[in-house]
Protein backbone atom coordinates (compact mmCIF):
# COMPACT_ATOMS: atom_id res chain seq x y z
CA MET A 1 0.00 0.00 0.00
CA PRO A 2 1.54 3.34 -0.96
CA ALA A 3 2.06 5.95 1.73
CA ILE A 4 -0.40 8.80 1.61
CA GLU A 5 0.51 12.42 2.06
CA LEU A 6 -0.74 13.76 5.38
CA ASP A 7 -2.52 17.06 5.78
CA ALA A 8 -1.09 19.79 8.01
CA LYS A 9 -3.49 19.00 10.88
CA THR A 10 -2.49 15.33 10.98
CA LEU A 11 1.22 16.17 10.71
CA LYS A 12 0.87 18.59 13.64
CA GLU A 13 -1.00 15.98 15.70
CA ARG A 14 1.63 13.35 14.89
CA SER A 15 4.44 15.66 15.94
CA GLU A 16 2.69 16.65 19.17
CA LEU A 17 1.97 13.03 20.10
CA CYS A 18 5.56 11.96 19.45
CA LEU A 19 6.87 14.86 21.53
CA GLU A 20 4.47 14.01 24.38
CA LEU A 21 5.53 10.36 24.23
CA LEU A 22 9.22 11.31 24.42
CA LYS A 23 8.60 13.65 27.36
CA LEU A 24 6.63 11.00 29.27
CA ARG A 25 9.28 8.38 28.59
CA LYS A 26 12.01 10.75 29.77
CA LYS A 27 10.05 11.83 32.85
CA HIS A 28 9.52 8.22 33.89
CA VAL A 29 12.79 6.73 32.62
CA LYS A 30 13.65 5.19 36.01
CA ASP A 31 10.25 3.50 36.20
CA PHE A 32 10.52 2.14 32.65
CA ASP A 33 14.07 0.92 33.28
CA ARG A 34 12.90 -0.84 36.45
CA ILE A 35 9.98 -2.38 34.56
CA ASP A 36 12.39 -3.70 31.91
CA ALA A 37 14.70 -5.13 34.60
CA ILE A 38 11.77 -6.83 36.35
CA LYS A 39 10.57 -8.34 33.06
CA GLU A 40 14.05 -9.70 32.32
CA ARG A 41 14.30 -11.27 35.79
CA LEU A 42 10.81 -12.81 35.51
CA LYS A 43 11.73 -14.29 32.11
CA ALA A 44 14.93 -15.69 33.63
CA ILE A 45 12.93 -17.31 36.44
CA ALA A 46 10.48 -18.84 33.95
CA THR A 47 13.35 -20.05 31.78
CA THR A 48 15.06 -21.67 34.76
CA MET A 49 11.78 -23.33 35.76
CA GLU A 50 11.21 -24.28 32.10
CA VAL A 51 7.55 -23.27 32.43
CA GLY A 52 5.50 -20.12 32.13
CA PHE A 53 3.45 -18.76 34.97
CA LYS A 54 0.86 -16.15 35.92
CA GLU A 55 0.55 -14.05 39.02
CA VAL A 56 -2.80 -12.39 39.69
CA ASP A 57 -3.61 -9.53 42.04
CA GLN A 58 -7.38 -9.15 42.15
CA LYS A 59 -7.13 -5.38 42.59
CA LEU A 60 -4.27 -4.57 40.21
CA GLY A 61 -4.24 -7.12 37.43
CA LYS A 62 -2.34 -10.08 36.03
CA VAL A 63 1.25 -10.73 34.94
CA SER A 64 1.87 -13.57 32.48
CA VAL A 65 5.43 -14.77 31.94
CA SER A 66 6.74 -17.13 29.26
CA PRO A 67 10.19 -18.76 29.26
CA GLU A 68 12.69 -18.36 26.48
CA LYS A 69 12.89 -21.26 24.06
CA ALA A 70 15.78 -22.15 21.82
CA GLU A 71 15.11 -22.67 18.17
CA THR A 72 14.14 -26.21 17.24
CA PHE A 73 15.08 -28.16 14.17
CA GLY A 74 11.99 -28.99 12.15
CA GLY A 75 13.67 -31.11 9.49
CA ASP A 76 15.16 -30.64 6.05
CA PHE A 77 12.74 -29.53 3.37
CA PRO A 78 13.53 -29.56 -0.34
CA GLU A 79 13.10 -26.33 -2.22
CA ILE A 80 11.98 -25.95 -5.78
CA ASP A 81 13.61 -23.43 -8.09
CA VAL A 82 10.38 -21.92 -9.37
CA ARG A 83 12.02 -20.36 -12.43
CA LYS A 84 13.35 -23.73 -13.55
CA LEU A 85 10.02 -25.40 -12.83
CA GLN A 86 8.19 -22.80 -14.88
CA ALA A 87 10.72 -23.19 -17.69
CA LEU A 88 9.87 -26.89 -18.06
CA PRO A 89 7.57 -27.85 -20.88
CA ASP A 90 3.93 -27.93 -19.74
CA LYS A 91 3.78 -31.72 -20.12
CA ASP A 92 6.84 -32.30 -17.88
CA ARG A 93 5.63 -29.81 -15.26
CA GLN A 94 2.12 -31.33 -15.23
CA LYS A 95 3.61 -34.81 -14.69
CA LEU A 96 5.38 -33.56 -11.55
CA TYR A 97 2.04 -32.23 -10.27
CA ASP A 98 0.15 -35.37 -11.25
CA ASP A 99 2.74 -37.61 -9.56
CA GLY A 100 2.35 -35.56 -6.37
CA LEU A 101 6.04 -34.69 -6.37
CA ILE A 102 5.16 -31.00 -6.42
CA VAL A 103 2.18 -29.59 -4.58
CA ILE A 104 1.24 -25.92 -4.79
CA ARG A 105 0.19 -24.35 -1.49
CA SER A 106 -0.57 -20.70 -0.94
CA LYS A 107 1.67 -18.96 1.56
CA TRP A 108 0.41 -15.94 3.46
CA SER A 109 2.38 -13.63 5.66
CA LYS A 110 1.26 -13.13 9.23
CA PRO A 111 -0.48 -9.83 9.85
CA TYR A 112 1.69 -7.11 11.35
CA TYR A 113 -0.04 -4.93 13.91
CA GLY A 114 2.61 -2.22 14.01
CA GLN A 115 4.71 -1.03 16.87
CA VAL A 116 6.02 2.14 18.44
CA THR A 117 9.66 2.32 19.51
CA VAL A 118 10.87 5.12 21.77
CA THR A 119 14.57 5.96 21.92
CA LEU A 120 15.69 8.59 24.40
CA PHE A 121 18.83 10.69 23.91
């Protein structure tokens, strides 16, 4: 999707919101740093225990923690050079499909919900 040009009102709002976000982050930098340290320690505890956990305070809310997991090997999967496949005569390519050697499956990307990253100077 092509980017659209923003009007002056939206550009002003965007700038004001970013500035407010930076000021809040800077004002509460110690709190955010402590939050990050707590999260890292909770993840370390969950990783050591090899299990996630939840802690609930009925008045304040819930904290859910998941352990880190190393990557896992899922197996070796052959890849098809699509250009070479498409260059085959129709008859040869169709035989590969008919024999079940090549199966076409649609691949969709996962949706991306965006993010906001704040970097203080």
